Amino acid sequence: MGLNFIAIFVVAVFNLVLGALWYSPLLFAKPFMATIGKSEEELRQGSNKMMYLYQFIAGLITSYILAHFVDFAMADTFWMGIQTGIWAWLGFVAATHIAGVVFEGRNIKLYLIYVGYQLIAIALSGGVLAVWK
């Protein structure tokens, strides 16, 4: 099994950048802040560099595992990699996080913002990992 660790690293960086864009004022910052009940100032005060480090490490782990899935699926085109990413997202993100909405009464909008980001990130990452071997 030959994994491309440079591709895994680049995909993890991409996920961090995508997350910054996804939760920025350009896209979903306002609805995100409204659903969690925090202001921009409160988020800024609670923000620190360690949060980004943890998120990057989580992205590395996700990218590494996804690279295995892409390899096991024998995905060798961008589209096949996207499909592999979508299936992984459906089974391990969308399905498992719905419990927070159903059992904990969390806001469906927050769920959609979160899993939407994960769908785009994991699907595109699968595509990149499939072609960059």
Protein backbone atom coordinates (compact mmCIF):
# COMPACT_ATOMS: atom_id res chain seq x y z
CA MET A 1 0.00 0.00 0.00
CA GLY A 2 1.73 3.14 -1.19
CA LEU A 3 0.26 6.27 0.34
CA ASN A 4 1.44 9.69 -0.78
CA PHE A 5 2.20 11.51 2.46
CA ILE A 6 2.76 14.81 0.67
CA ALA A 7 -0.75 14.58 -0.78
CA ILE A 8 -2.13 13.71 2.66
CA PHE A 9 -0.41 16.77 4.16
CA VAL A 10 -1.60 19.06 1.34
CA VAL A 11 -5.18 17.80 1.68
CA ALA A 12 -5.05 18.47 5.44
CA VAL A 13 -3.89 22.04 4.76
CA PHE A 14 -6.65 22.41 2.16
CA ASN A 15 -9.22 21.29 4.74
CA LEU A 16 -7.98 23.92 7.21
CA VAL A 17 -8.19 26.64 4.56
CA LEU A 18 -11.63 25.46 3.43
CA GLY A 19 -12.82 25.52 7.05
CA ALA A 20 -11.56 29.08 7.47
CA LEU A 21 -13.46 30.09 4.34
CA TRP A 22 -16.59 28.07 5.22
CA TYR A 23 -16.91 29.70 8.64
CA SER A 24 -15.94 33.19 7.39
CA PRO A 25 -18.30 36.12 6.73
CA LEU A 26 -18.12 35.22 3.02
CA LEU A 27 -20.08 32.02 3.63
CA PHE A 28 -21.58 30.79 6.89
CA ALA A 29 -20.17 32.88 9.76
CA LYS A 30 -23.44 34.68 10.55
CA PRO A 31 -25.76 31.65 10.58
CA PHE A 32 -23.11 29.65 12.43
CA MET A 33 -22.72 32.29 15.15
CA ALA A 34 -26.51 32.68 15.41
CA THR A 35 -27.07 28.94 15.89
CA ILE A 36 -24.39 28.62 18.58
CA GLY A 37 -25.50 31.86 20.27
CA LYS A 38 -22.13 33.59 20.21
CA SER A 39 -20.92 36.88 18.85
CA GLU A 40 -17.87 37.37 16.67
CA GLU A 41 -16.14 39.01 19.63
CA GLU A 42 -16.84 36.01 21.89
CA LEU A 43 -15.44 33.64 19.29
CA ARG A 44 -12.38 35.80 18.84
CA GLN A 45 -11.75 35.90 22.61
CA GLY A 46 -11.99 32.12 22.89
CA SER A 47 -9.80 31.55 19.84
CA ASN A 48 -6.20 30.50 20.20
CA LYS A 49 -3.50 28.94 18.08
CA MET A 50 -3.94 25.56 19.75
CA MET A 51 -7.47 25.27 18.34
CA TYR A 52 -6.05 25.49 14.83
CA LEU A 53 -3.32 23.00 15.65
CA TYR A 54 -5.91 20.52 16.93
CA GLN A 55 -8.03 21.07 13.83
CA PHE A 56 -4.99 20.52 11.60
CA ILE A 57 -4.10 17.30 13.41
CA ALA A 58 -7.70 16.12 13.04
CA GLY A 59 -7.44 16.98 9.32
CA LEU A 60 -4.24 14.96 9.02
CA ILE A 61 -5.89 11.95 10.63
CA THR A 62 -8.95 12.26 8.39
CA SER A 63 -6.79 12.64 5.28
CA TYR A 64 -4.65 9.64 6.23
CA ILE A 65 -7.67 7.39 6.81
CA LEU A 66 -9.37 8.67 3.66
CA ALA A 67 -6.21 7.87 1.67
CA HIS A 68 -6.57 4.27 2.86
CA PHE A 69 -10.24 4.22 1.79
CA VAL A 70 -9.32 5.61 -1.63
CA ASP A 71 -6.61 2.99 -1.96
CA PHE A 72 -8.89 0.13 -0.86
CA ALA A 73 -11.61 1.33 -3.26
CA MET A 74 -8.99 1.35 -6.04
CA ALA A 75 -10.16 4.85 -6.93
CA ASP A 76 -7.81 6.18 -9.57
CA THR A 77 -9.77 9.08 -11.05
CA PHE A 78 -10.88 12.34 -9.48
CA TRP A 79 -14.55 11.32 -9.77
CA MET A 80 -13.95 7.89 -8.19
CA GLY A 81 -12.10 9.61 -5.34
CA ILE A 82 -15.00 12.02 -4.86
CA GLN A 83 -17.42 9.08 -4.76
CA THR A 84 -15.27 7.34 -2.16
CA GLY A 85 -15.19 10.53 -0.11
CA ILE A 86 -18.96 10.93 -0.34
CA TRP A 87 -19.56 7.38 0.87
CA ALA A 88 -17.13 7.89 3.76
CA TRP A 89 -18.85 11.19 4.61
CA LEU A 90 -22.31 9.62 4.47
CA GLY A 91 -21.40 6.73 6.75
CA PHE A 92 -19.05 8.40 9.21
CA VAL A 93 -20.09 12.06 9.36
CA ALA A 94 -23.67 12.62 8.22
CA ALA A 95 -25.07 9.47 9.81
CA THR A 96 -23.23 9.71 13.12
CA HIS A 97 -23.79 13.42 13.70
CA ILE A 98 -27.55 13.32 13.16
CA ALA A 99 -27.86 11.86 16.67
CA GLY A 100 -26.95 15.30 18.04
CA VAL A 101 -30.00 16.72 16.30
CA VAL A 102 -32.36 13.87 17.14
CA PHE A 103 -31.41 13.05 20.73
CA GLU A 104 -29.85 16.29 21.96
CA GLY A 105 -32.23 18.66 20.22
CA ARG A 106 -29.45 20.54 18.46
CA ASN A 107 -30.31 22.98 15.74
CA ILE A 108 -30.67 21.36 12.30
CA LYS A 109 -29.10 24.44 10.72
CA LEU A 110 -25.92 23.92 12.75
CA TYR A 111 -25.89 20.27 11.67
CA LEU A 112 -26.24 21.26 8.00
CA ILE A 113 -23.47 23.87 8.24
CA TYR A 114 -21.14 21.37 9.89
CA VAL A 115 -21.83 18.35 7.68
CA GLY A 116 -21.94 20.54 4.56
CA TYR A 117 -18.37 21.63 5.22
CA GLN A 118 -17.35 18.04 5.86
CA LEU A 119 -19.02 16.86 2.64
CA ILE A 120 -17.13 19.35 0.49
CA ALA A 121 -13.85 18.76 2.33
CA ILE A 122 -13.98 14.96 2.29
CA ALA A 123 -15.30 14.63 -1.26
CA LEU A 124 -12.69 16.96 -2.77
CA SER A 125 -9.97 15.40 -0.63
CA GLY A 126 -10.95 11.96 -1.93
CA GLY A 127 -10.67 13.26 -5.48
CA VAL A 128 -7.22 14.72 -4.89
CA LEU A 129 -5.97 11.63 -3.08
CA ALA A 130 -7.20 9.39 -5.91
CA VAL A 131 -5.25 11.19 -8.61
CA TRP A 132 -2.20 12.23 -6.59
CA LYS A 133 -0.66 8.85 -5.81
